[in-house]
Amino acid sequence: MQKCIESVMSGKNLSYDYLLWINRQAIRFGIKGITFFKNDGSLKVVAEGEERNLLFFMKKLRRGRFLLPLFSPVENFSINWCEPKHDFEDFSISETGE
């Protein structure tokens, strides 16, 4: 079943490299959507895909790109589930924000 999530995260050392890592994870899980930095420096992810894949994707994002949580740049993490709009053809990184 197709679902949508909107997630916002913040933390130290969130960089463009982190956006690239998120993009690779989304492709790995067959997820469509977008990620970008908001004006306040937090990072937003809007993702659509199969519910099971979104759960795996969010678990990866919450844990961060490093195996040891101590080194993860993610400090605050929120998820909101929503109905998919099917607006995305793939997963992309936006320079412009919202």
C-alpha atoms as a PDB file:
ATOM      1  CA  MET A   1       0.000   0.000   0.000  1.00  0.00           C
ATOM      2  CA  GLN A   2       1.385   3.377  -1.020  1.00  0.00           C
ATOM      3  CA  LYS A   3       1.941   5.860   1.805  1.00  0.00           C
ATOM      4  CA  CYS A   4       3.611   9.216   2.320  1.00  0.00           C
ATOM      5  CA  ILE A   5       5.730  10.565   5.124  1.00  0.00           C
ATOM      6  CA  GLU A   6       6.996  14.020   5.937  1.00  0.00           C
ATOM      7  CA  SER A   7       9.980  14.032   8.239  1.00  0.00           C
ATOM      8  CA  VAL A   8      11.963  16.884   9.752  1.00  0.00           C
ATOM      9  CA  MET A   9      15.304  16.394  11.440  1.00  0.00           C
ATOM     10  CA  SER A  10      17.909  18.639  12.919  1.00  0.00           C
ATOM     11  CA  GLY A  11      21.316  18.212  14.439  1.00  0.00           C
ATOM     12  CA  LYS A  12      24.971  19.091  14.234  1.00  0.00           C
ATOM     13  CA  ASN A  13      26.920  18.595  11.035  1.00  0.00           C
ATOM     14  CA  LEU A  14      23.950  17.986   8.757  1.00  0.00           C
ATOM     15  CA  SER A  15      25.512  18.763   5.394  1.00  0.00           C
ATOM     16  CA  TYR A  16      24.896  18.382   1.687  1.00  0.00           C
ATOM     17  CA  ASP A  17      26.708  15.029   1.948  1.00  0.00           C
ATOM     18  CA  TYR A  18      23.937  13.923   4.287  1.00  0.00           C
ATOM     19  CA  LEU A  19      21.352  14.879   1.648  1.00  0.00           C
ATOM     20  CA  LEU A  20      23.264  12.762  -0.871  1.00  0.00           C
ATOM     21  CA  TRP A  21      23.231   9.832   1.561  1.00  0.00           C
ATOM     22  CA  ILE A  22      19.460  10.224   2.049  1.00  0.00           C
ATOM     23  CA  ASN A  23      19.041  10.259  -1.729  1.00  0.00           C
ATOM     24  CA  ARG A  24      20.993   6.985  -2.071  1.00  0.00           C
ATOM     25  CA  GLN A  25      18.886   5.354   0.668  1.00  0.00           C
ATOM     26  CA  ALA A  26      15.657   6.450  -1.028  1.00  0.00           C
ATOM     27  CA  ILE A  27      16.781   4.949  -4.332  1.00  0.00           C
ATOM     28  CA  ARG A  28      17.788   1.764  -2.514  1.00  0.00           C
ATOM     29  CA  PHE A  29      14.281   1.409  -1.051  1.00  0.00           C
ATOM     30  CA  GLY A  30      12.420   2.437  -4.226  1.00  0.00           C
ATOM     31  CA  ILE A  31      11.115   5.649  -2.680  1.00  0.00           C
ATOM     32  CA  LYS A  32      10.098   8.793  -4.536  1.00  0.00           C
ATOM     33  CA  GLY A  33      10.150  12.276  -3.024  1.00  0.00           C
ATOM     34  CA  ILE A  34      12.380  15.177  -2.148  1.00  0.00           C
ATOM     35  CA  THR A  35      14.767  16.358   0.552  1.00  0.00           C
ATOM     36  CA  PHE A  36      16.037  19.852   1.308  1.00  0.00           C
ATOM     37  CA  PHE A  37      17.276  22.188   4.022  1.00  0.00           C
ATOM     38  CA  LYS A  38      14.667  24.487   5.513  1.00  0.00           C
ATOM     39  CA  ASN A  39      15.448  28.124   6.328  1.00  0.00           C
ATOM     40  CA  ASP A  40      16.039  27.252   9.996  1.00  0.00           C
ATOM     41  CA  GLY A  41      18.791  24.750   9.061  1.00  0.00           C
ATOM     42  CA  SER A  42      16.704  21.642   9.701  1.00  0.00           C
ATOM     43  CA  LEU A  43      16.317  19.042   7.002  1.00  0.00           C
ATOM     44  CA  LYS A  44      12.983  17.988   5.545  1.00  0.00           C
ATOM     45  CA  VAL A  45      12.189  14.769   3.712  1.00  0.00           C
ATOM     46  CA  VAL A  46       8.943  14.118   1.847  1.00  0.00           C
ATOM     47  CA  ALA A  47       8.816  10.507   0.704  1.00  0.00           C
ATOM     48  CA  GLU A  48       6.259   8.277  -0.991  1.00  0.00           C
ATOM     49  CA  GLY A  49       6.383   4.540  -1.461  1.00  0.00           C
ATOM     50  CA  GLU A  50       5.283   1.205  -0.100  1.00  0.00           C
ATOM     51  CA  GLU A  51       4.615   1.434   3.633  1.00  0.00           C
ATOM     52  CA  ARG A  52       7.106  -1.338   4.434  1.00  0.00           C
ATOM     53  CA  ASN A  53       9.873   0.404   2.465  1.00  0.00           C
ATOM     54  CA  LEU A  54       9.099   3.736   4.124  1.00  0.00           C
ATOM     55  CA  LEU A  55       9.431   2.112   7.546  1.00  0.00           C
ATOM     56  CA  PHE A  56      12.875   0.736   6.649  1.00  0.00           C
ATOM     57  CA  PHE A  57      13.871   4.090   5.125  1.00  0.00           C
ATOM     58  CA  MET A  58      12.806   6.053   8.207  1.00  0.00           C
ATOM     59  CA  LYS A  59      14.617   3.636  10.502  1.00  0.00           C
ATOM     60  CA  LYS A  60      17.806   4.281   8.507  1.00  0.00           C
ATOM     61  CA  LEU A  61      17.318   8.050   8.607  1.00  0.00           C
ATOM     62  CA  ARG A  62      16.595   8.086  12.323  1.00  0.00           C
ATOM     63  CA  ARG A  63      19.719   6.060  13.038  1.00  0.00           C
ATOM     64  CA  GLY A  64      21.832   8.213  10.760  1.00  0.00           C
ATOM     65  CA  ARG A  65      24.436   7.319   8.236  1.00  0.00           C
ATOM     66  CA  PHE A  66      26.878   5.873  10.757  1.00  0.00           C
ATOM     67  CA  LEU A  67      26.539   2.508  12.444  1.00  0.00           C
ATOM     68  CA  LEU A  68      27.207   3.951  15.885  1.00  0.00           C
ATOM     69  CA  PRO A  69      24.377   6.264  17.025  1.00  0.00           C
ATOM     70  CA  LEU A  70      26.923   8.283  18.995  1.00  0.00           C
ATOM     71  CA  PHE A  71      28.292   9.631  15.699  1.00  0.00           C
ATOM     72  CA  SER A  72      24.959  10.333  14.038  1.00  0.00           C
ATOM     73  CA  PRO A  73      24.391  14.002  13.195  1.00  0.00           C
ATOM     74  CA  VAL A  74      20.613  13.602  13.776  1.00  0.00           C
ATOM     75  CA  GLU A  75      19.445  14.935  17.146  1.00  0.00           C
ATOM     76  CA  ASN A  76      15.750  15.731  16.615  1.00  0.00           C
ATOM     77  CA  PHE A  77      13.545  13.633  14.374  1.00  0.00           C
ATOM     78  CA  SER A  78       9.829  13.769  13.630  1.00  0.00           C
ATOM     79  CA  ILE A  79       7.600  11.845  11.237  1.00  0.00           C
ATOM     80  CA  ASN A  80       4.099  12.633  10.018  1.00  0.00           C
ATOM     81  CA  TRP A  81       2.217  10.115   7.892  1.00  0.00           C
ATOM     82  CA  CYS A  82       0.016  11.489   5.129  1.00  0.00           C
ATOM     83  CA  GLU A  83      -1.797  10.379   2.004  1.00  0.00           C
ATOM     84  CA  PRO A  84       0.428  10.140  -1.087  1.00  0.00           C
ATOM     85  CA  LYS A  85      -0.135  12.747  -3.788  1.00  0.00           C
ATOM     86  CA  HIS A  86       1.915  10.911  -6.421  1.00  0.00           C
ATOM     87  CA  ASP A  87       3.671  14.175  -7.346  1.00  0.00           C
ATOM     88  CA  PHE A  88       7.152  12.652  -7.626  1.00  0.00           C
ATOM     89  CA  GLU A  89       8.792  10.771 -10.495  1.00  0.00           C
ATOM     90  CA  ASP A  90      11.942   9.972  -8.504  1.00  0.00           C
ATOM     91  CA  PHE A  91      13.779  11.091  -5.389  1.00  0.00           C
ATOM     92  CA  SER A  92      15.588  14.428  -5.618  1.00  0.00           C
ATOM     93  CA  ILE A  93      17.506  17.006  -3.655  1.00  0.00           C
ATOM     94  CA  SER A  94      16.227  20.565  -3.814  1.00  0.00           C
ATOM     95  CA  GLU A  95      18.403  23.637  -3.389  1.00  0.00           C
ATOM     96  CA  THR A  96      15.467  25.958  -2.884  1.00  0.00           C
ATOM     97  CA  GLY A  97      13.710  24.552   0.174  1.00  0.00           C
ATOM     98  CA  GLU A  98       9.967  24.880   0.619  1.00  0.00           C
END
